[in-house]
Protein backbone atom coordinates (compact mmCIF):
# COMPACT_ATOMS: atom_id res chain seq x y z
CA UNK A 1 0.00 0.00 0.00
CA UNK A 2 1.52 3.30 -1.12
CA UNK A 3 0.71 6.08 1.37
CA UNK A 4 0.92 9.86 1.20
CA UNK A 5 1.13 11.77 4.50
CA UNK A 6 0.48 15.50 4.17
CA UNK A 7 -0.35 18.75 5.90
CA UNK A 8 -1.07 22.29 4.69
CA UNK A 9 1.20 25.24 5.42
CA UNK A 10 1.65 28.99 5.20
CA UNK A 11 4.44 31.02 6.82
CA UNK A 12 5.74 34.53 6.31
CA UNK A 13 8.89 34.24 8.46
CA UNK A 14 11.64 31.73 9.15
CA UNK A 15 10.49 31.68 12.78
CA UNK A 16 7.04 30.49 11.73
CA UNK A 17 8.50 27.73 9.58
CA UNK A 18 10.85 26.67 12.37
CA UNK A 19 8.03 26.62 14.94
CA UNK A 20 4.79 24.90 14.06
CA UNK A 21 5.90 23.32 10.77
CA UNK A 22 9.32 22.06 11.75
CA UNK A 23 7.73 20.56 14.88
CA UNK A 24 5.28 18.65 12.66
CA UNK A 25 7.96 17.60 10.19
CA UNK A 26 10.36 16.37 12.88
CA UNK A 27 7.62 14.50 14.69
CA UNK A 28 6.29 12.57 11.71
CA UNK A 29 9.63 11.82 10.09
CA UNK A 30 10.60 10.00 13.28
CA UNK A 31 7.18 8.55 14.20
CA UNK A 32 5.70 5.09 13.75
CA UNK A 33 3.19 6.36 11.19
CA UNK A 34 3.75 4.48 7.92
CA UNK A 35 4.07 6.51 4.75
CA UNK A 36 5.94 6.45 1.45
CA UNK A 37 6.03 10.20 0.91
CA UNK A 38 5.60 13.18 3.24
CA UNK A 39 4.49 16.47 1.67
CA UNK A 40 3.56 19.94 2.87
CA UNK A 41 1.11 21.70 0.54
CA UNK A 42 1.88 25.39 0.90
CA UNK A 43 -0.46 28.32 0.24
CA UNK A 44 2.08 30.53 -1.53
CA UNK A 45 4.42 31.41 1.33
CA UNK A 46 6.92 34.17 0.44
CA UNK A 47 9.88 32.08 1.62
CA UNK A 48 10.75 28.41 1.84
CA UNK A 49 11.69 26.33 4.88
CA UNK A 50 15.30 25.25 5.32
CA UNK A 51 14.63 22.14 7.45
CA UNK A 52 13.52 20.01 4.48
CA UNK A 53 14.20 19.77 0.78
CA UNK A 54 11.99 20.58 -2.19
CA UNK A 55 10.76 16.98 -2.37
CA UNK A 56 8.75 17.64 0.81
CA UNK A 57 7.13 20.88 -0.34
CA UNK A 58 4.43 21.56 -2.94
CA UNK A 59 3.81 25.30 -3.19
CA UNK A 60 1.58 27.69 -5.11
CA UNK A 61 2.71 31.00 -6.59
CA UNK A 62 -0.39 32.85 -5.33
CA UNK A 63 -1.49 33.10 -1.70
CA UNK A 64 -5.26 32.62 -1.26
CA UNK A 65 -5.37 32.71 2.51
CA UNK A 66 -8.29 32.64 4.92
CA UNK A 67 -11.13 35.17 4.79
CA UNK A 68 -12.71 34.17 8.09
CA UNK A 69 -12.99 31.28 10.55
CA UNK A 70 -15.26 29.41 8.11
CA UNK A 71 -13.86 30.72 4.83
CA UNK A 72 -10.52 29.18 3.98
CA UNK A 73 -9.91 29.30 0.24
CA UNK A 74 -6.19 28.61 0.60
CA UNK A 75 -6.67 25.53 2.77
CA UNK A 76 -9.31 24.13 0.41
CA UNK A 77 -7.05 24.54 -2.60
CA UNK A 78 -4.15 22.88 -0.77
CA UNK A 79 -6.28 19.99 0.49
CA UNK A 80 -7.96 19.32 -2.87
CA UNK A 81 -4.62 19.53 -4.68
CA UNK A 82 -3.14 16.98 -2.29
CA UNK A 83 -5.92 14.50 -3.08
CA UNK A 84 -5.54 14.93 -6.83
CA UNK A 85 -1.76 14.67 -6.52
CA UNK A 86 -2.09 11.42 -4.57
CA UNK A 87 -4.26 9.83 -7.24
CA UNK A 88 -2.11 10.98 -10.14
CA UNK A 89 1.06 9.75 -8.38
CA UNK A 90 -0.42 6.31 -7.73
CA UNK A 91 -0.97 6.51 -3.97
CA UNK A 92 -3.73 4.26 -2.69
CA UNK A 93 -3.92 5.70 0.83
CA UNK A 94 -3.86 9.31 2.06
CA UNK A 95 -3.19 10.35 5.64
CA UNK A 96 -3.94 14.00 6.37
CA UNK A 97 -2.62 15.34 9.67
CA UNK A 98 -2.84 19.09 9.86
CA UNK A 99 0.31 20.91 10.97
CA UNK A 100 -0.98 21.22 14.54
CA UNK A 101 -2.47 17.70 14.66
CA UNK A 102 -0.59 14.82 16.25
CA UNK A 103 -1.22 11.10 16.41
CA UNK A 104 0.10 10.26 19.86
CA UNK A 105 -0.80 6.76 21.05
CA UNK A 106 0.07 3.36 19.63
CA UNK A 107 -3.66 2.71 19.52
CA UNK A 108 -4.40 5.46 17.02
CA UNK A 109 -1.19 4.94 15.04
CA UNK A 110 -2.02 1.24 14.65
CA UNK A 111 -5.52 2.19 13.46
CA UNK A 112 -4.10 4.62 10.90
CA UNK A 113 -1.44 2.18 9.69
CA UNK A 114 -3.83 -0.75 9.37
CA UNK A 115 -6.77 1.07 7.73
CA UNK A 116 -7.33 -0.28 4.21
CA UNK A 117 -10.95 0.66 3.53
CA UNK A 118 -13.03 3.73 4.20
CA UNK A 119 -12.67 7.43 4.91
CA UNK A 120 -11.84 7.83 8.58
CA UNK A 121 -11.79 10.74 10.99
CA UNK A 122 -12.13 11.33 14.73
CA UNK A 123 -14.19 13.52 17.04
CA UNK A 124 -13.78 17.04 18.42
CA UNK A 125 -15.58 17.31 21.80
CA UNK A 126 -14.74 21.02 22.01
CA UNK A 127 -17.05 21.79 19.08
CA UNK A 128 -19.11 18.58 19.07
CA UNK A 129 -18.25 17.72 15.49
CA UNK A 130 -15.99 15.64 13.28
CA UNK A 131 -12.28 16.47 13.37
CA UNK A 132 -11.20 17.27 9.82
CA UNK A 133 -7.61 17.99 10.89
CA UNK A 134 -6.97 14.23 10.87
CA UNK A 135 -8.29 12.10 8.01
CA UNK A 136 -7.40 8.70 6.57
CA UNK A 137 -8.66 8.22 3.02
CA UNK A 138 -8.22 4.69 1.68
CA UNK A 139 -8.21 3.52 -1.94
CA UNK A 140 -11.94 2.82 -2.10
CA UNK A 141 -12.73 6.42 -1.04
CA UNK A 142 -10.22 8.43 -3.06
CA UNK A 143 -12.68 8.96 -5.92
CA UNK A 144 -15.31 10.11 -3.44
CA UNK A 145 -12.84 12.59 -2.02
CA UNK A 146 -11.85 13.85 -5.46
CA UNK A 147 -15.53 14.34 -6.33
CA UNK A 148 -16.09 16.30 -3.12
CA UNK A 149 -13.00 18.49 -3.53
CA UNK A 150 -13.55 19.12 -7.24
CA UNK A 151 -16.52 21.33 -6.41
CA UNK A 152 -15.87 25.10 -6.43
CA UNK A 153 -15.17 26.27 -2.91
CA UNK A 154 -18.19 28.58 -3.06
CA UNK A 155 -20.36 25.48 -2.61
CA UNK A 156 -18.94 25.05 0.90
CA UNK A 157 -18.35 28.68 1.79
CA UNK A 158 -19.69 29.97 5.14
CA UNK A 159 -20.02 26.41 6.44
CA UNK A 160 -17.85 24.28 8.71
CA UNK A 161 -16.39 21.90 6.15
CA UNK A 162 -15.43 19.54 9.00
CA UNK A 163 -19.05 18.36 9.05
CA UNK A 164 -19.55 18.16 5.28
CA UNK A 165 -16.96 15.58 4.23
CA UNK A 166 -18.65 12.23 3.46
CA UNK A 167 -16.68 10.19 5.99
CA UNK A 168 -17.48 6.50 6.31
CA UNK A 169 -16.07 6.13 9.85
CA UNK A 170 -15.98 8.64 12.71
CA UNK A 171 -14.04 7.17 15.63
CA UNK A 172 -15.54 8.63 18.79
CA UNK A 173 -14.07 5.88 20.96
CA UNK A 174 -10.59 7.42 20.88
CA UNK A 175 -9.50 10.23 23.19
CA UNK A 176 -8.58 13.56 21.65
CA UNK A 177 -9.63 17.17 21.19
CA UNK A 178 -8.48 20.60 20.09
CA UNK A 179 -6.52 20.92 23.30
CA UNK A 180 -4.81 24.10 22.15
CA UNK A 181 -8.15 25.92 22.33
CA UNK A 182 -8.43 25.38 26.09
CA UNK A 183 -5.73 27.91 26.94
CA UNK A 184 -3.35 25.33 28.38
CA UNK A 185 0.12 24.11 27.51
CA UNK A 186 -0.68 20.50 28.34
CA UNK A 187 -2.09 17.46 26.58
CA UNK A 188 -3.82 14.79 28.72
CA UNK A 189 -1.63 11.74 29.33
CA UNK A 190 -4.30 9.38 27.96
CA UNK A 191 -4.89 11.33 24.75
CA UNK A 192 -4.72 9.37 21.51
CA UNK A 193 -4.43 12.54 19.44
CA UNK A 194 -4.21 16.30 19.85
CA UNK A 195 -5.21 19.17 17.56
CA UNK A 196 -4.51 22.91 17.67
CA UNK A 197 -1.27 21.81 19.30
CA UNK A 198 1.60 24.25 19.77
CA UNK A 199 5.23 23.06 19.68
CA UNK A 200 5.45 23.86 23.40
CA UNK A 201 2.46 21.65 24.14
CA UNK A 202 4.01 18.79 22.20
CA UNK A 203 7.36 19.22 23.95
CA UNK A 204 5.66 19.20 27.37
CA UNK A 205 3.76 16.04 26.44
CA UNK A 206 6.91 14.23 25.30
CA UNK A 207 8.61 14.97 28.63
C-alpha atoms as a PDB file:
ATOM      1  CA  UNK A   1       0.000   0.000   0.000  1.00  0.00           C
ATOM      2  CA  UNK A   2       1.519   3.301  -1.125  1.00  0.00           C
ATOM      3  CA  UNK A   3       0.707   6.075   1.375  1.00  0.00           C
ATOM      4  CA  UNK A   4       0.922   9.860   1.202  1.00  0.00           C
ATOM      5  CA  UNK A   5       1.131  11.770   4.501  1.00  0.00           C
ATOM      6  CA  UNK A   6       0.479  15.495   4.174  1.00  0.00           C
ATOM      7  CA  UNK A   7      -0.353  18.750   5.904  1.00  0.00           C
ATOM      8  CA  UNK A   8      -1.073  22.289   4.692  1.00  0.00           C
ATOM      9  CA  UNK A   9       1.199  25.243   5.415  1.00  0.00           C
ATOM     10  CA  UNK A  10       1.648  28.995   5.202  1.00  0.00           C
ATOM     11  CA  UNK A  11       4.439  31.023   6.825  1.00  0.00           C
ATOM     12  CA  UNK A  12       5.743  34.532   6.310  1.00  0.00           C
ATOM     13  CA  UNK A  13       8.889  34.236   8.459  1.00  0.00           C
ATOM     14  CA  UNK A  14      11.644  31.732   9.155  1.00  0.00           C
ATOM     15  CA  UNK A  15      10.491  31.677  12.780  1.00  0.00           C
ATOM     16  CA  UNK A  16       7.035  30.491  11.731  1.00  0.00           C
ATOM     17  CA  UNK A  17       8.499  27.732   9.582  1.00  0.00           C
ATOM     18  CA  UNK A  18      10.848  26.668  12.372  1.00  0.00           C
ATOM     19  CA  UNK A  19       8.032  26.620  14.944  1.00  0.00           C
ATOM     20  CA  UNK A  20       4.785  24.900  14.057  1.00  0.00           C
ATOM     21  CA  UNK A  21       5.898  23.322  10.769  1.00  0.00           C
ATOM     22  CA  UNK A  22       9.319  22.060  11.753  1.00  0.00           C
ATOM     23  CA  UNK A  23       7.732  20.563  14.879  1.00  0.00           C
ATOM     24  CA  UNK A  24       5.279  18.647  12.663  1.00  0.00           C
ATOM     25  CA  UNK A  25       7.963  17.604  10.189  1.00  0.00           C
ATOM     26  CA  UNK A  26      10.358  16.372  12.877  1.00  0.00           C
ATOM     27  CA  UNK A  27       7.617  14.497  14.695  1.00  0.00           C
ATOM     28  CA  UNK A  28       6.285  12.569  11.710  1.00  0.00           C
ATOM     29  CA  UNK A  29       9.630  11.818  10.088  1.00  0.00           C
ATOM     30  CA  UNK A  30      10.602  10.000  13.281  1.00  0.00           C
ATOM     31  CA  UNK A  31       7.179   8.550  14.204  1.00  0.00           C
ATOM     32  CA  UNK A  32       5.699   5.088  13.747  1.00  0.00           C
ATOM     33  CA  UNK A  33       3.195   6.359  11.188  1.00  0.00           C
ATOM     34  CA  UNK A  34       3.746   4.475   7.924  1.00  0.00           C
ATOM     35  CA  UNK A  35       4.070   6.512   4.745  1.00  0.00           C
ATOM     36  CA  UNK A  36       5.944   6.450   1.449  1.00  0.00           C
ATOM     37  CA  UNK A  37       6.025  10.196   0.908  1.00  0.00           C
ATOM     38  CA  UNK A  38       5.597  13.184   3.236  1.00  0.00           C
ATOM     39  CA  UNK A  39       4.490  16.470   1.674  1.00  0.00           C
ATOM     40  CA  UNK A  40       3.555  19.939   2.872  1.00  0.00           C
ATOM     41  CA  UNK A  41       1.111  21.705   0.538  1.00  0.00           C
ATOM     42  CA  UNK A  42       1.882  25.391   0.901  1.00  0.00           C
ATOM     43  CA  UNK A  43      -0.465  28.323   0.243  1.00  0.00           C
ATOM     44  CA  UNK A  44       2.077  30.529  -1.528  1.00  0.00           C
ATOM     45  CA  UNK A  45       4.419  31.413   1.330  1.00  0.00           C
ATOM     46  CA  UNK A  46       6.921  34.172   0.441  1.00  0.00           C
ATOM     47  CA  UNK A  47       9.876  32.075   1.624  1.00  0.00           C
ATOM     48  CA  UNK A  48      10.752  28.407   1.835  1.00  0.00           C
ATOM     49  CA  UNK A  49      11.691  26.327   4.881  1.00  0.00           C
ATOM     50  CA  UNK A  50      15.303  25.245   5.325  1.00  0.00           C
ATOM     51  CA  UNK A  51      14.631  22.140   7.448  1.00  0.00           C
ATOM     52  CA  UNK A  52      13.522  20.015   4.483  1.00  0.00           C
ATOM     53  CA  UNK A  53      14.199  19.774   0.779  1.00  0.00           C
ATOM     54  CA  UNK A  54      11.991  20.581  -2.192  1.00  0.00           C
ATOM     55  CA  UNK A  55      10.756  16.979  -2.372  1.00  0.00           C
ATOM     56  CA  UNK A  56       8.750  17.640   0.807  1.00  0.00           C
ATOM     57  CA  UNK A  57       7.129  20.885  -0.345  1.00  0.00           C
ATOM     58  CA  UNK A  58       4.427  21.565  -2.943  1.00  0.00           C
ATOM     59  CA  UNK A  59       3.811  25.297  -3.188  1.00  0.00           C
ATOM     60  CA  UNK A  60       1.577  27.686  -5.111  1.00  0.00           C
ATOM     61  CA  UNK A  61       2.709  30.998  -6.589  1.00  0.00           C
ATOM     62  CA  UNK A  62      -0.385  32.851  -5.327  1.00  0.00           C
ATOM     63  CA  UNK A  63      -1.492  33.096  -1.696  1.00  0.00           C
ATOM     64  CA  UNK A  64      -5.256  32.621  -1.264  1.00  0.00           C
ATOM     65  CA  UNK A  65      -5.375  32.706   2.513  1.00  0.00           C
ATOM     66  CA  UNK A  66      -8.290  32.638   4.916  1.00  0.00           C
ATOM     67  CA  UNK A  67     -11.128  35.168   4.795  1.00  0.00           C
ATOM     68  CA  UNK A  68     -12.713  34.170   8.091  1.00  0.00           C
ATOM     69  CA  UNK A  69     -12.994  31.284  10.548  1.00  0.00           C
ATOM     70  CA  UNK A  70     -15.264  29.406   8.110  1.00  0.00           C
ATOM     71  CA  UNK A  71     -13.862  30.718   4.828  1.00  0.00           C
ATOM     72  CA  UNK A  72     -10.519  29.177   3.976  1.00  0.00           C
ATOM     73  CA  UNK A  73      -9.908  29.303   0.238  1.00  0.00           C
ATOM     74  CA  UNK A  74      -6.194  28.609   0.602  1.00  0.00           C
ATOM     75  CA  UNK A  75      -6.673  25.535   2.766  1.00  0.00           C
ATOM     76  CA  UNK A  76      -9.309  24.126   0.414  1.00  0.00           C
ATOM     77  CA  UNK A  77      -7.046  24.540  -2.600  1.00  0.00           C
ATOM     78  CA  UNK A  78      -4.154  22.880  -0.770  1.00  0.00           C
ATOM     79  CA  UNK A  79      -6.284  19.991   0.494  1.00  0.00           C
ATOM     80  CA  UNK A  80      -7.962  19.320  -2.866  1.00  0.00           C
ATOM     81  CA  UNK A  81      -4.621  19.526  -4.685  1.00  0.00           C
ATOM     82  CA  UNK A  82      -3.142  16.981  -2.294  1.00  0.00           C
ATOM     83  CA  UNK A  83      -5.919  14.504  -3.075  1.00  0.00           C
ATOM     84  CA  UNK A  84      -5.541  14.931  -6.831  1.00  0.00           C
ATOM     85  CA  UNK A  85      -1.757  14.672  -6.524  1.00  0.00           C
ATOM     86  CA  UNK A  86      -2.095  11.421  -4.569  1.00  0.00           C
ATOM     87  CA  UNK A  87      -4.264   9.830  -7.236  1.00  0.00           C
ATOM     88  CA  UNK A  88      -2.106  10.978 -10.138  1.00  0.00           C
ATOM     89  CA  UNK A  89       1.063   9.750  -8.383  1.00  0.00           C
ATOM     90  CA  UNK A  90      -0.417   6.310  -7.726  1.00  0.00           C
ATOM     91  CA  UNK A  91      -0.971   6.511  -3.974  1.00  0.00           C
ATOM     92  CA  UNK A  92      -3.728   4.263  -2.686  1.00  0.00           C
ATOM     93  CA  UNK A  93      -3.915   5.704   0.831  1.00  0.00           C
ATOM     94  CA  UNK A  94      -3.865   9.306   2.059  1.00  0.00           C
ATOM     95  CA  UNK A  95      -3.187  10.354   5.642  1.00  0.00           C
ATOM     96  CA  UNK A  96      -3.939  13.997   6.370  1.00  0.00           C
ATOM     97  CA  UNK A  97      -2.617  15.337   9.668  1.00  0.00           C
ATOM     98  CA  UNK A  98      -2.838  19.091   9.861  1.00  0.00           C
ATOM     99  CA  UNK A  99       0.313  20.911  10.970  1.00  0.00           C
ATOM    100  CA  UNK A 100      -0.977  21.223  14.539  1.00  0.00           C
ATOM    101  CA  UNK A 101      -2.471  17.696  14.659  1.00  0.00           C
ATOM    102  CA  UNK A 102      -0.586  14.824  16.251  1.00  0.00           C
ATOM    103  CA  UNK A 103      -1.217  11.097  16.410  1.00  0.00           C
ATOM    104  CA  UNK A 104       0.098  10.255  19.864  1.00  0.00           C
ATOM    105  CA  UNK A 105      -0.796   6.762  21.048  1.00  0.00           C
ATOM    106  CA  UNK A 106       0.073   3.361  19.633  1.00  0.00           C
ATOM    107  CA  UNK A 107      -3.661   2.708  19.523  1.00  0.00           C
ATOM    108  CA  UNK A 108      -4.400   5.464  17.021  1.00  0.00           C
ATOM    109  CA  UNK A 109      -1.194   4.942  15.043  1.00  0.00           C
ATOM    110  CA  UNK A 110      -2.025   1.245  14.653  1.00  0.00           C
ATOM    111  CA  UNK A 111      -5.515   2.192  13.459  1.00  0.00           C
ATOM    112  CA  UNK A 112      -4.104   4.617  10.896  1.00  0.00           C
ATOM    113  CA  UNK A 113      -1.438   2.184   9.688  1.00  0.00           C
ATOM    114  CA  UNK A 114      -3.828  -0.749   9.372  1.00  0.00           C
ATOM    115  CA  UNK A 115      -6.767   1.068   7.727  1.00  0.00           C
ATOM    116  CA  UNK A 116      -7.327  -0.283   4.213  1.00  0.00           C
ATOM    117  CA  UNK A 117     -10.950   0.665   3.528  1.00  0.00           C
ATOM    118  CA  UNK A 118     -13.029   3.729   4.203  1.00  0.00           C
ATOM    119  CA  UNK A 119     -12.670   7.435   4.910  1.00  0.00           C
ATOM    120  CA  UNK A 120     -11.839   7.834   8.584  1.00  0.00           C
ATOM    121  CA  UNK A 121     -11.787  10.738  10.989  1.00  0.00           C
ATOM    122  CA  UNK A 122     -12.135  11.330  14.726  1.00  0.00           C
ATOM    123  CA  UNK A 123     -14.187  13.520  17.041  1.00  0.00           C
ATOM    124  CA  UNK A 124     -13.779  17.037  18.424  1.00  0.00           C
ATOM    125  CA  UNK A 125     -15.584  17.310  21.803  1.00  0.00           C
ATOM    126  CA  UNK A 126     -14.741  21.024  22.009  1.00  0.00           C
ATOM    127  CA  UNK A 127     -17.047  21.788  19.076  1.00  0.00           C
ATOM    128  CA  UNK A 128     -19.113  18.582  19.067  1.00  0.00           C
ATOM    129  CA  UNK A 129     -18.254  17.724  15.485  1.00  0.00           C
ATOM    130  CA  UNK A 130     -15.993  15.637  13.278  1.00  0.00           C
ATOM    131  CA  UNK A 131     -12.278  16.474  13.369  1.00  0.00           C
ATOM    132  CA  UNK A 132     -11.200  17.266   9.819  1.00  0.00           C
ATOM    133  CA  UNK A 133      -7.610  17.995  10.887  1.00  0.00           C
ATOM    134  CA  UNK A 134      -6.972  14.231  10.870  1.00  0.00           C
ATOM    135  CA  UNK A 135      -8.289  12.098   8.014  1.00  0.00           C
ATOM    136  CA  UNK A 136      -7.402   8.703   6.571  1.00  0.00           C
ATOM    137  CA  UNK A 137      -8.659   8.216   3.024  1.00  0.00           C
ATOM    138  CA  UNK A 138      -8.221   4.689   1.684  1.00  0.00           C
ATOM    139  CA  UNK A 139      -8.207   3.523  -1.941  1.00  0.00           C
ATOM    140  CA  UNK A 140     -11.940   2.818  -2.100  1.00  0.00           C
ATOM    141  CA  UNK A 141     -12.734   6.416  -1.044  1.00  0.00           C
ATOM    142  CA  UNK A 142     -10.217   8.428  -3.060  1.00  0.00           C
ATOM    143  CA  UNK A 143     -12.678   8.955  -5.920  1.00  0.00           C
ATOM    144  CA  UNK A 144     -15.314  10.109  -3.443  1.00  0.00           C
ATOM    145  CA  UNK A 145     -12.839  12.594  -2.018  1.00  0.00           C
ATOM    146  CA  UNK A 146     -11.852  13.848  -5.460  1.00  0.00           C
ATOM    147  CA  UNK A 147     -15.533  14.338  -6.333  1.00  0.00           C
ATOM    148  CA  UNK A 148     -16.088  16.302  -3.118  1.00  0.00           C
ATOM    149  CA  UNK A 149     -12.997  18.490  -3.528  1.00  0.00           C
ATOM    150  CA  UNK A 150     -13.550  19.117  -7.241  1.00  0.00           C
ATOM    151  CA  UNK A 151     -16.523  21.332  -6.408  1.00  0.00           C
ATOM    152  CA  UNK A 152     -15.872  25.100  -6.435  1.00  0.00           C
ATOM    153  CA  UNK A 153     -15.174  26.265  -2.910  1.00  0.00           C
ATOM    154  CA  UNK A 154     -18.190  28.580  -3.060  1.00  0.00           C
ATOM    155  CA  UNK A 155     -20.356  25.479  -2.608  1.00  0.00           C
ATOM    156  CA  UNK A 156     -18.938  25.050   0.902  1.00  0.00           C
ATOM    157  CA  UNK A 157     -18.353  28.680   1.791  1.00  0.00           C
ATOM    158  CA  UNK A 158     -19.693  29.967   5.139  1.00  0.00           C
ATOM    159  CA  UNK A 159     -20.017  26.412   6.442  1.00  0.00           C
ATOM    160  CA  UNK A 160     -17.854  24.278   8.714  1.00  0.00           C
ATOM    161  CA  UNK A 161     -16.392  21.902   6.153  1.00  0.00           C
ATOM    162  CA  UNK A 162     -15.434  19.535   8.997  1.00  0.00           C
ATOM    163  CA  UNK A 163     -19.048  18.360   9.054  1.00  0.00           C
ATOM    164  CA  UNK A 164     -19.546  18.159   5.284  1.00  0.00           C
ATOM    165  CA  UNK A 165     -16.957  15.583   4.233  1.00  0.00           C
ATOM    166  CA  UNK A 166     -18.649  12.231   3.455  1.00  0.00           C
ATOM    167  CA  UNK A 167     -16.678  10.191   5.989  1.00  0.00           C
ATOM    168  CA  UNK A 168     -17.479   6.497   6.311  1.00  0.00           C
ATOM    169  CA  UNK A 169     -16.069   6.129   9.848  1.00  0.00           C
ATOM    170  CA  UNK A 170     -15.982   8.643  12.708  1.00  0.00           C
ATOM    171  CA  UNK A 171     -14.041   7.168  15.629  1.00  0.00           C
ATOM    172  CA  UNK A 172     -15.535   8.627  18.791  1.00  0.00           C
ATOM    173  CA  UNK A 173     -14.066   5.876  20.959  1.00  0.00           C
ATOM    174  CA  UNK A 174     -10.593   7.418  20.883  1.00  0.00           C
ATOM    175  CA  UNK A 175      -9.502  10.232  23.190  1.00  0.00           C
ATOM    176  CA  UNK A 176      -8.584  13.563  21.647  1.00  0.00           C
ATOM    177  CA  UNK A 177      -9.625  17.167  21.192  1.00  0.00           C
ATOM    178  CA  UNK A 178      -8.476  20.595  20.087  1.00  0.00           C
ATOM    179  CA  UNK A 179      -6.522  20.922  23.302  1.00  0.00           C
ATOM    180  CA  UNK A 180      -4.808  24.101  22.149  1.00  0.00           C
ATOM    181  CA  UNK A 181      -8.150  25.918  22.331  1.00  0.00           C
ATOM    182  CA  UNK A 182      -8.433  25.375  26.094  1.00  0.00           C
ATOM    183  CA  UNK A 183      -5.731  27.908  26.941  1.00  0.00           C
ATOM    184  CA  UNK A 184      -3.354  25.334  28.376  1.00  0.00           C
ATOM    185  CA  UNK A 185       0.117  24.108  27.508  1.00  0.00           C
ATOM    186  CA  UNK A 186      -0.684  20.503  28.345  1.00  0.00           C
ATOM    187  CA  UNK A 187      -2.092  17.459  26.580  1.00  0.00           C
ATOM    188  CA  UNK A 188      -3.818  14.788  28.724  1.00  0.00           C
ATOM    189  CA  UNK A 189      -1.629  11.739  29.331  1.00  0.00           C
ATOM    190  CA  UNK A 190      -4.296   9.382  27.961  1.00  0.00           C
ATOM    191  CA  UNK A 191      -4.889  11.326  24.749  1.00  0.00           C
ATOM    192  CA  UNK A 192      -4.722   9.369  21.513  1.00  0.00           C
ATOM    193  CA  UNK A 193      -4.434  12.538  19.444  1.00  0.00           C
ATOM    194  CA  UNK A 194      -4.215  16.297  19.849  1.00  0.00           C
ATOM    195  CA  UNK A 195      -5.207  19.167  17.561  1.00  0.00           C
ATOM    196  CA  UNK A 196      -4.507  22.907  17.672  1.00  0.00           C
ATOM    197  CA  UNK A 197      -1.270  21.807  19.302  1.00  0.00           C
ATOM    198  CA  UNK A 198       1.604  24.250  19.767  1.00  0.00           C
ATOM    199  CA  UNK A 199       5.233  23.059  19.682  1.00  0.00           C
ATOM    200  CA  UNK A 200       5.450  23.863  23.398  1.00  0.00           C
ATOM    201  CA  UNK A 201       2.459  21.648  24.137  1.00  0.00           C
ATOM    202  CA  UNK A 202       4.012  18.790  22.200  1.00  0.00           C
ATOM    203  CA  UNK A 203       7.363  19.218  23.954  1.00  0.00           C
ATOM    204  CA  UNK A 204       5.658  19.203  27.374  1.00  0.00           C
ATOM    205  CA  UNK A 205       3.761  16.036  26.436  1.00  0.00           C
ATOM    206  CA  UNK A 206       6.912  14.232  25.298  1.00  0.00           C
ATOM    207  CA  UNK A 207       8.609  14.971  28.630  1.00  0.00           C
END
